[in-house]
Structures are given as C-alpha cells and as structure tokens.
PDB file of N, CA and C in Angstrom:
ATOM      1  N   MET A   1      11.248   4.168   2.387  1.00  0.00           N
ATOM      2  CA  MET A   1      10.086   4.557   2.442  1.00  0.00           C
ATOM      3  C   MET A   1       9.898   5.865   3.519  1.00  0.00           C
ATOM      4  N   ALA A   2       9.270   6.933   3.410  1.00  0.00           N
ATOM      5  CA  ALA A   2       9.093   7.779   4.357  1.00  0.00           C
ATOM      6  C   ALA A   2       8.693   7.228   5.666  1.00  0.00           C
ATOM      7  N   LYS A   3       8.794   7.915   6.802  1.00  0.00           N
ATOM      8  CA  LYS A   3       8.306   7.864   8.138  1.00  0.00           C
ATOM      9  C   LYS A   3       6.823   7.590   8.317  1.00  0.00           C
ATOM     10  N   ASN A   4       5.983   8.422   7.509  1.00  0.00           N
ATOM     11  CA  ASN A   4       4.715   8.454   7.607  1.00  0.00           C
ATOM     12  C   ASN A   4       4.071   6.925   7.668  1.00  0.00           C
ATOM     13  N   LYS A   5       3.090   6.974   8.378  1.00  0.00           N
ATOM     14  CA  LYS A   5       2.688   5.613   8.644  1.00  0.00           C
ATOM     15  C   LYS A   5       1.887   5.116   7.718  1.00  0.00           C
ATOM     16  N   HIS A   6       1.362   5.857   6.534  1.00  0.00           N
ATOM     17  CA  HIS A   6       0.500   5.416   5.643  1.00  0.00           C
ATOM     18  C   HIS A   6       1.190   5.347   4.303  1.00  0.00           C
ATOM     19  N   PRO A   7       1.223   4.258   3.772  1.00  0.00           N
ATOM     20  CA  PRO A   7       1.629   4.382   2.354  1.00  0.00           C
ATOM     21  C   PRO A   7       1.426   5.091   1.513  1.00  0.00           C
ATOM     22  N   ARG A   8       2.229   5.252   0.511  1.00  0.00           N
ATOM     23  CA  ARG A   8       2.018   6.275  -0.904  1.00  0.00           C
ATOM     24  C   ARG A   8       1.631   5.621  -2.151  1.00  0.00           C
ATOM     25  N   VAL A   9       0.745   6.074  -2.584  1.00  0.00           N
ATOM     26  CA  VAL A   9       0.323   5.436  -4.036  1.00  0.00           C
ATOM     27  C   VAL A   9       1.497   5.420  -4.890  1.00  0.00           C
ATOM     28  N   LEU A  10       1.746   4.382  -5.704  1.00  0.00           N
ATOM     29  CA  LEU A  10       3.103   3.996  -6.254  1.00  0.00           C
ATOM     30  C   LEU A  10       2.552   3.506  -7.695  1.00  0.00           C
ATOM     31  N   SER A  11       2.733   4.152  -8.661  1.00  0.00           N
ATOM     32  CA  SER A  11       2.851   3.473 -10.097  1.00  0.00           C
ATOM     33  C   SER A  11       3.479   2.257  -9.973  1.00  0.00           C
ATOM     34  N   ILE A  12       2.711   1.189 -11.103  1.00  0.00           N
ATOM     35  CA  ILE A  12       3.335  -0.047 -11.368  1.00  0.00           C
ATOM     36  C   ILE A  12       4.924   0.191 -11.670  1.00  0.00           C
ATOM     37  N   GLU A  13       5.288   1.140 -12.459  1.00  0.00           N
ATOM     38  CA  GLU A  13       6.547   1.346 -12.713  1.00  0.00           C
ATOM     39  C   GLU A  13       7.407   1.753 -11.594  1.00  0.00           C
ATOM     40  N   GLU A  14       7.101   2.324 -10.587  1.00  0.00           N
ATOM     41  CA  GLU A  14       7.746   2.735  -9.404  1.00  0.00           C
ATOM     42  C   GLU A  14       7.962   1.578  -8.519  1.00  0.00           C
ATOM     43  N   LEU A  15       6.878   0.666  -8.409  1.00  0.00           N
ATOM     44  CA  LEU A  15       7.033  -0.896  -7.714  1.00  0.00           C
ATOM     45  C   LEU A  15       7.978  -1.483  -8.335  1.00  0.00           C
ATOM     46  N   GLU A  16       7.914  -1.562  -9.674  1.00  0.00           N
ATOM     47  CA  GLU A  16       8.876  -2.612 -10.279  1.00  0.00           C
ATOM     48  C   GLU A  16      10.379  -2.219 -10.022  1.00  0.00           C
ATOM     49  N   LYS A  17      10.713  -1.185  -9.742  1.00  0.00           N
ATOM     50  CA  LYS A  17      12.051  -0.500  -9.697  1.00  0.00           C
ATOM     51  C   LYS A  17      12.626  -0.707  -8.294  1.00  0.00           C
ATOM     52  N   LYS A  18      11.442  -1.156  -7.234  1.00  0.00           N
ATOM     53  CA  LYS A  18      11.881  -1.343  -5.843  1.00  0.00           C
ATOM     54  C   LYS A  18      12.528  -2.812  -5.814  1.00  0.00           C
ATOM     55  N   GLY A  19      13.294  -3.223  -4.883  1.00  0.00           N
ATOM     56  CA  GLY A  19      13.850  -4.612  -4.550  1.00  0.00           C
ATOM     57  C   GLY A  19      12.838  -5.171  -3.717  1.00  0.00           C
ATOM     58  N   THR A  20      13.168  -6.632  -3.790  1.00  0.00           N
ATOM     59  CA  THR A  20      12.025  -7.461  -3.006  1.00  0.00           C
ATOM     60  C   THR A  20      11.682  -7.162  -1.504  1.00  0.00           C
ATOM     61  N   ARG A  21      12.829  -6.785  -0.800  1.00  0.00           N
ATOM     62  CA  ARG A  21      12.555  -6.355   0.531  1.00  0.00           C
ATOM     63  C   ARG A  21      11.721  -5.075   0.597  1.00  0.00           C
ATOM     64  N   GLU A  22      12.025  -3.901  -0.285  1.00  0.00           N
ATOM     65  CA  GLU A  22      11.149  -2.904  -0.207  1.00  0.00           C
ATOM     66  C   GLU A  22       9.567  -3.050  -0.728  1.00  0.00           C
ATOM     67  N   LEU A  23       9.534  -3.947  -1.407  1.00  0.00           N
ATOM     68  CA  LEU A  23       8.208  -4.247  -1.880  1.00  0.00           C
ATOM     69  C   LEU A  23       7.488  -5.018  -0.468  1.00  0.00           C
ATOM     70  N   LEU A  24       8.360  -5.911  -0.075  1.00  0.00           N
ATOM     71  CA  LEU A  24       7.583  -6.810   1.393  1.00  0.00           C
ATOM     72  C   LEU A  24       7.331  -5.710   2.298  1.00  0.00           C
ATOM     73  N   GLY A  25       8.152  -4.632   2.577  1.00  0.00           N
ATOM     74  CA  GLY A  25       7.773  -3.653   3.737  1.00  0.00           C
ATOM     75  C   GLY A  25       6.668  -2.535   3.076  1.00  0.00           C
ATOM     76  N   TYR A  26       6.440  -2.469   1.884  1.00  0.00           N
ATOM     77  CA  TYR A  26       5.477  -1.553   1.111  1.00  0.00           C
ATOM     78  C   TYR A  26       4.091  -2.582   1.544  1.00  0.00           C
ATOM     79  N   LEU A  27       4.350  -3.887   1.247  1.00  0.00           N
ATOM     80  CA  LEU A  27       3.087  -4.677   1.574  1.00  0.00           C
ATOM     81  C   LEU A  27       2.588  -4.741   3.145  1.00  0.00           C
ATOM     82  N   LYS A  28       3.521  -4.734   3.952  1.00  0.00           N
ATOM     83  CA  LYS A  28       3.275  -4.779   5.035  1.00  0.00           C
ATOM     84  C   LYS A  28       2.740  -3.481   5.611  1.00  0.00           C
ATOM     85  N   ARG A  29       3.251  -2.273   5.132  1.00  0.00           N
ATOM     86  CA  ARG A  29       2.553  -0.971   5.697  1.00  0.00           C
ATOM     87  C   ARG A  29       0.956  -0.991   4.839  1.00  0.00           C
ATOM     88  N   LEU A  30       0.785  -1.709   3.677  1.00  0.00           N
ATOM     89  CA  LEU A  30      -0.787  -1.814   3.161  1.00  0.00           C
ATOM     90  C   LEU A  30      -1.315  -2.663   4.249  1.00  0.00           C
ATOM     91  N   HIS A  31      -1.142  -3.732   4.758  1.00  0.00           N
ATOM     92  CA  HIS A  31      -1.829  -4.491   5.693  1.00  0.00           C
ATOM     93  C   HIS A  31      -2.159  -3.626   7.092  1.00  0.00           C
ATOM     94  N   LYS A  32      -1.219  -2.555   7.384  1.00  0.00           N
ATOM     95  CA  LYS A  32      -1.530  -2.001   8.420  1.00  0.00           C
ATOM     96  C   LYS A  32      -2.665  -0.807   8.321  1.00  0.00           C
ATOM     97  N   CYS A  33      -3.108  -0.438   7.272  1.00  0.00           N
ATOM     98  CA  CYS A  33      -3.919   0.383   6.820  1.00  0.00           C
ATOM     99  C   CYS A  33      -5.420   0.029   7.661  1.00  0.00           C
ATOM    100  N   GLU A  34      -6.178   1.046   7.904  1.00  0.00           N
ATOM    101  CA  GLU A  34      -7.466   0.670   8.436  1.00  0.00           C
ATOM    102  C   GLU A  34      -8.476   0.025   7.616  1.00  0.00           C
ATOM    103  N   GLU A  35      -9.503  -0.614   8.102  1.00  0.00           N
ATOM    104  CA  GLU A  35     -10.352  -1.393   7.125  1.00  0.00           C
ATOM    105  C   GLU A  35     -11.185  -0.496   6.232  1.00  0.00           C
ATOM    106  N   SER A  36     -11.859   0.678   7.026  1.00  0.00           N
ATOM    107  CA  SER A  36     -12.459   1.445   6.089  1.00  0.00           C
ATOM    108  C   SER A  36     -12.598   2.619   7.114  1.00  0.00           C
ATOM    109  N   PHE A  37     -13.191   3.983   6.103  1.00  0.00           N
ATOM    110  CA  PHE A  37     -13.523   5.022   7.147  1.00  0.00           C
ATOM    111  C   PHE A  37     -14.523   4.842   7.985  1.00  0.00           C
ATOM    112  N   GLU A  38     -15.565   4.091   7.506  1.00  0.00           N
ATOM    113  CA  GLU A  38     -16.551   4.062   8.172  1.00  0.00           C
ATOM    114  C   GLU A  38     -16.364   3.322   9.581  1.00  0.00           C
ATOM    115  N   LYS A  39     -15.310   2.292   9.536  1.00  0.00           N
ATOM    116  CA  LYS A  39     -15.128   1.577  10.641  1.00  0.00           C
ATOM    117  C   LYS A  39     -13.701   2.111  11.705  1.00  0.00           C
ATOM    118  N   SER A  40     -13.308   3.566  11.113  1.00  0.00           N
ATOM    119  CA  SER A  40     -12.174   4.263  11.919  1.00  0.00           C
ATOM    120  C   SER A  40     -12.895   5.114  12.891  1.00  0.00           C
ATOM    121  N   ASP A  41     -12.137   6.068  13.645  1.00  0.00           N
ATOM    122  CA  ASP A  41     -12.504   6.692  14.370  1.00  0.00           C
ATOM    123  C   ASP A  41     -12.247   8.214  14.038  1.00  0.00           C
ATOM    124  N   MET A  42     -11.948   8.274  12.616  1.00  0.00           N
ATOM    125  CA  MET A  42     -11.741   9.567  12.184  1.00  0.00           C
ATOM    126  C   MET A  42     -12.976  10.404  11.920  1.00  0.00           C
ATOM    127  N   ASP A  43     -12.811  11.689  12.077  1.00  0.00           N
ATOM    128  CA  ASP A  43     -13.778  12.690  12.046  1.00  0.00           C
ATOM    129  C   ASP A  43     -14.248  13.204  10.706  1.00  0.00           C
ATOM    130  N   PHE A  44     -12.993  12.959   9.522  1.00  0.00           N
ATOM    131  CA  PHE A  44     -13.180  13.312   8.372  1.00  0.00           C
ATOM    132  C   PHE A  44     -12.449  12.224   7.575  1.00  0.00           C
ATOM    133  N   ASN A  45     -12.707  12.159   6.236  1.00  0.00           N
ATOM    134  CA  ASN A  45     -12.290  11.226   5.417  1.00  0.00           C
ATOM    135  C   ASN A  45     -10.935  11.788   4.538  1.00  0.00           C
ATOM    136  N   PRO A  46      -9.796  11.541   5.079  1.00  0.00           N
ATOM    137  CA  PRO A  46      -8.731  12.077   4.572  1.00  0.00           C
ATOM    138  C   PRO A  46      -8.155  11.436   2.980  1.00  0.00           C
ATOM    139  N   ASP A  47      -8.998  10.266   2.940  1.00  0.00           N
ATOM    140  CA  ASP A  47      -8.950   9.743   1.410  1.00  0.00           C
ATOM    141  C   ASP A  47      -9.303  10.561   0.329  1.00  0.00           C
ATOM    142  N   LEU A  48     -10.765  11.368   0.820  1.00  0.00           N
ATOM    143  CA  LEU A  48     -11.350  12.061  -0.423  1.00  0.00           C
ATOM    144  C   LEU A  48     -10.358  13.283  -0.905  1.00  0.00           C
ATOM    145  N   GLU A  49      -9.488  13.612  -0.093  1.00  0.00           N
ATOM    146  CA  GLU A  49      -8.659  15.000  -0.327  1.00  0.00           C
ATOM    147  C   GLU A  49      -7.306  14.642  -0.625  1.00  0.00           C
ATOM    148  N   ASP A  50      -6.719  13.586   0.003  1.00  0.00           N
ATOM    149  CA  ASP A  50      -5.345  12.988  -0.550  1.00  0.00           C
ATOM    150  C   ASP A  50      -5.066  11.836  -1.665  1.00  0.00           C
ATOM    151  N   VAL A  51      -4.870  12.259  -2.898  1.00  0.00           N
ATOM    152  CA  VAL A  51      -4.843  11.206  -3.773  1.00  0.00           C
ATOM    153  C   VAL A  51      -3.505  10.322  -3.894  1.00  0.00           C
ATOM    154  N   GLU A  52      -2.533  11.081  -3.046  1.00  0.00           N
ATOM    155  CA  GLU A  52      -1.222  10.634  -3.020  1.00  0.00           C
ATOM    156  C   GLU A  52      -0.927   9.480  -2.033  1.00  0.00           C
ATOM    157  N   THR A  53      -1.986   9.057  -1.072  1.00  0.00           N
ATOM    158  CA  THR A  53      -1.663   8.647   0.115  1.00  0.00           C
ATOM    159  C   THR A  53      -2.781   7.578   0.307  1.00  0.00           C
ATOM    160  N   ILE A  54      -2.708   6.268   0.767  1.00  0.00           N
ATOM    161  CA  ILE A  54      -3.745   5.193   1.242  1.00  0.00           C
ATOM    162  C   ILE A  54      -3.905   5.329   2.627  1.00  0.00           C
ATOM    163  N   TYR A  55      -5.209   5.534   2.933  1.00  0.00           N
ATOM    164  CA  TYR A  55      -5.383   5.250   4.271  1.00  0.00           C
ATOM    165  C   TYR A  55      -6.411   4.263   4.621  1.00  0.00           C
ATOM    166  N   PHE A  56      -7.284   3.779   3.623  1.00  0.00           N
ATOM    167  CA  PHE A  56      -8.264   2.561   3.960  1.00  0.00           C
ATOM    168  C   PHE A  56      -8.011   1.379   3.064  1.00  0.00           C
ATOM    169  N   LYS A  57      -8.522   0.385   3.589  1.00  0.00           N
ATOM    170  CA  LYS A  57      -8.391  -0.919   2.738  1.00  0.00           C
ATOM    171  C   LYS A  57      -9.430  -1.090   1.715  1.00  0.00           C
ATOM    172  N   GLN A  58     -10.639  -0.510   1.956  1.00  0.00           N
ATOM    173  CA  GLN A  58     -11.725  -0.304   1.140  1.00  0.00           C
ATOM    174  C   GLN A  58     -11.877   0.687   0.069  1.00  0.00           C
ATOM    175  N   THR A  59     -10.690   0.641  -0.470  1.00  0.00           N
ATOM    176  CA  THR A  59     -10.544   1.755  -1.526  1.00  0.00           C
ATOM    177  C   THR A  59      -9.980   1.181  -2.837  1.00  0.00           C
ATOM    178  N   PRO A  60     -10.423   1.896  -3.982  1.00  0.00           N
ATOM    179  CA  PRO A  60      -9.561   1.305  -5.089  1.00  0.00           C
ATOM    180  C   PRO A  60      -8.196   1.577  -5.146  1.00  0.00           C
ATOM    181  N   LYS A  61      -7.713   2.527  -4.419  1.00  0.00           N
ATOM    182  CA  LYS A  61      -6.311   2.771  -4.570  1.00  0.00           C
ATOM    183  C   LYS A  61      -5.473   1.536  -3.867  1.00  0.00           C
ATOM    184  N   TRP A  62      -5.765   1.177  -2.427  1.00  0.00           N
ATOM    185  CA  TRP A  62      -5.505   0.273  -1.717  1.00  0.00           C
ATOM    186  C   TRP A  62      -5.493  -1.066  -2.543  1.00  0.00           C
ATOM    187  N   LYS A  63      -6.497  -1.389  -3.270  1.00  0.00           N
ATOM    188  CA  LYS A  63      -6.931  -2.935  -3.935  1.00  0.00           C
ATOM    189  C   LYS A  63      -6.002  -2.808  -4.993  1.00  0.00           C
ATOM    190  N   THR A  64      -5.838  -1.567  -5.762  1.00  0.00           N
ATOM    191  CA  THR A  64      -4.663  -1.546  -6.889  1.00  0.00           C
ATOM    192  C   THR A  64      -3.144  -1.938  -6.459  1.00  0.00           C
ATOM    193  N   ALA A  65      -3.155  -1.068  -5.389  1.00  0.00           N
ATOM    194  CA  ALA A  65      -1.509  -1.119  -4.991  1.00  0.00           C
ATOM    195  C   ALA A  65      -1.472  -2.554  -4.461  1.00  0.00           C
ATOM    196  N   TYR A  66      -2.365  -3.429  -3.601  1.00  0.00           N
ATOM    197  CA  TYR A  66      -2.181  -4.622  -3.260  1.00  0.00           C
ATOM    198  C   TYR A  66      -2.122  -5.813  -4.157  1.00  0.00           C
ATOM    199  N   ARG A  67      -2.924  -5.477  -5.468  1.00  0.00           N
ATOM    200  CA  ARG A  67      -2.849  -6.498  -6.364  1.00  0.00           C
ATOM    201  C   ARG A  67      -1.478  -6.181  -7.064  1.00  0.00           C
ATOM    202  N   ASP A  68      -1.271  -5.176  -7.377  1.00  0.00           N
ATOM    203  CA  ASP A  68       0.116  -4.706  -8.074  1.00  0.00           C
ATOM    204  C   ASP A  68       1.324  -5.451  -7.295  1.00  0.00           C
ATOM    205  N   VAL A  69       1.530  -5.384  -5.950  1.00  0.00           N
ATOM    206  CA  VAL A  69       2.392  -5.526  -5.297  1.00  0.00           C
ATOM    207  C   VAL A  69       2.419  -7.102  -5.252  1.00  0.00           C
ATOM    208  N   LYS A  70       1.473  -7.803  -4.962  1.00  0.00           N
ATOM    209  CA  LYS A  70       1.387  -9.212  -5.149  1.00  0.00           C
ATOM    210  C   LYS A  70       1.768  -9.876  -6.450  1.00  0.00           C
ATOM    211  N   ALA A  71       1.209  -9.212  -7.636  1.00  0.00           N
ATOM    212  CA  ALA A  71       1.756  -9.574  -8.887  1.00  0.00           C
ATOM    213  C   ALA A  71       3.424  -9.685  -9.007  1.00  0.00           C
ATOM    214  N   ILE A  72       3.807  -8.526  -8.750  1.00  0.00           N
ATOM    215  CA  ILE A  72       5.468  -8.222  -8.767  1.00  0.00           C
ATOM    216  C   ILE A  72       5.997  -9.348  -8.078  1.00  0.00           C
ATOM    217  N   LEU A  73       5.620  -9.347  -6.622  1.00  0.00           N
ATOM    218  CA  LEU A  73       6.279 -10.529  -5.675  1.00  0.00           C
ATOM    219  C   LEU A  73       6.212 -11.943  -6.278  1.00  0.00           C
ATOM    220  N   ALA A  74       4.982 -12.061  -7.039  1.00  0.00           N
ATOM    221  CA  ALA A  74       4.869 -13.465  -7.438  1.00  0.00           C
ATOM    222  C   ALA A  74       5.817 -13.846  -8.361  1.00  0.00           C
ATOM    223  N   ASN A  75       6.382 -12.861  -8.772  1.00  0.00           N
ATOM    224  CA  ASN A  75       7.164 -13.220 -10.242  1.00  0.00           C
ATOM    225  C   ASN A  75       8.977 -12.886  -9.598  1.00  0.00           C
ATOM    226  N   ARG A  76       9.023 -12.722  -8.540  1.00  0.00           N
ATOM    227  CA  ARG A  76      10.412 -12.417  -7.889  1.00  0.00           C
ATOM    228  C   ARG A  76      10.897 -13.816  -7.040  1.00  0.00           C
ATOM    229  N   GLU A  77      12.115 -13.702  -6.981  1.00  0.00           N
ATOM    230  CA  GLU A  77      12.756 -14.537  -6.175  1.00  0.00           C
ATOM    231  C   GLU A  77      12.456 -14.498  -4.694  1.00  0.00           C
ATOM    232  N   HIS A  78      12.273 -15.474  -3.978  1.00  0.00           N
ATOM    233  CA  HIS A  78      11.469 -15.401  -2.311  1.00  0.00           C
ATOM    234  C   HIS A  78      12.892 -15.504  -1.599  1.00  0.00           C
ATOM    235  N   LEU A  79      12.767 -14.646  -0.762  1.00  0.00           N
ATOM    236  CA  LEU A  79      13.998 -14.724   0.280  1.00  0.00           C
ATOM    237  C   LEU A  79      14.207 -16.120   1.044  1.00  0.00           C
ATOM    238  N   GLY A  80      15.252 -16.385   1.378  1.00  0.00           N
ATOM    239  CA  GLY A  80      15.582 -17.564   1.695  1.00  0.00           C
ATOM    240  C   GLY A  80      15.127 -18.013   3.295  1.00  0.00           C
ATOM    241  N   ALA A  81      14.269 -19.083   3.394  1.00  0.00           N
ATOM    242  CA  ALA A  81      13.571 -19.540   4.590  1.00  0.00           C
ATOM    243  C   ALA A  81      14.646 -19.848   5.728  1.00  0.00           C
TER     244      ALA A  81
END
C-alpha cells in the first residue's frame, strides 16, 4: 500500500488478489478512517471530489470496502496465534 494514510477504493477483484496480511493491513487502515465528515475538523469534504480514496466510515465506499474485506478474510486461512 502507498504511504497515504487514507485507503484507496479497491475492487473486489483487486482485494481477492491480495494476500491475507495485505488484507489485514487494509482493514486496519479502514478502521483508522474518521467516523464522518460532520464529526471531523475538516473545512471541506474531500470525499465529494475524490472517488478513489476513502476518508470517512459513514460513506457507501467505506461500507462496501469493509464488507468485501471481511467476506474475503472469512474464507482465508487465519494466521497462527
């Protein structure tokens, strides 16, 4: 993943090609997104202009990415404890 702190929007096909560790890292970055624009300290909503990046949890693209990653991880081997 790039060094940008915000996760990119990835298709289900792109997610399926990633290894389990990469998916777990992507999931961690999704969790770090701010809750919503309204609860943030930003002056403008970058989510309205940038369709390739996820900024807030209360958006369809965050919810889709989260659902897709969780579904893929549910079918993967889990890392040893």
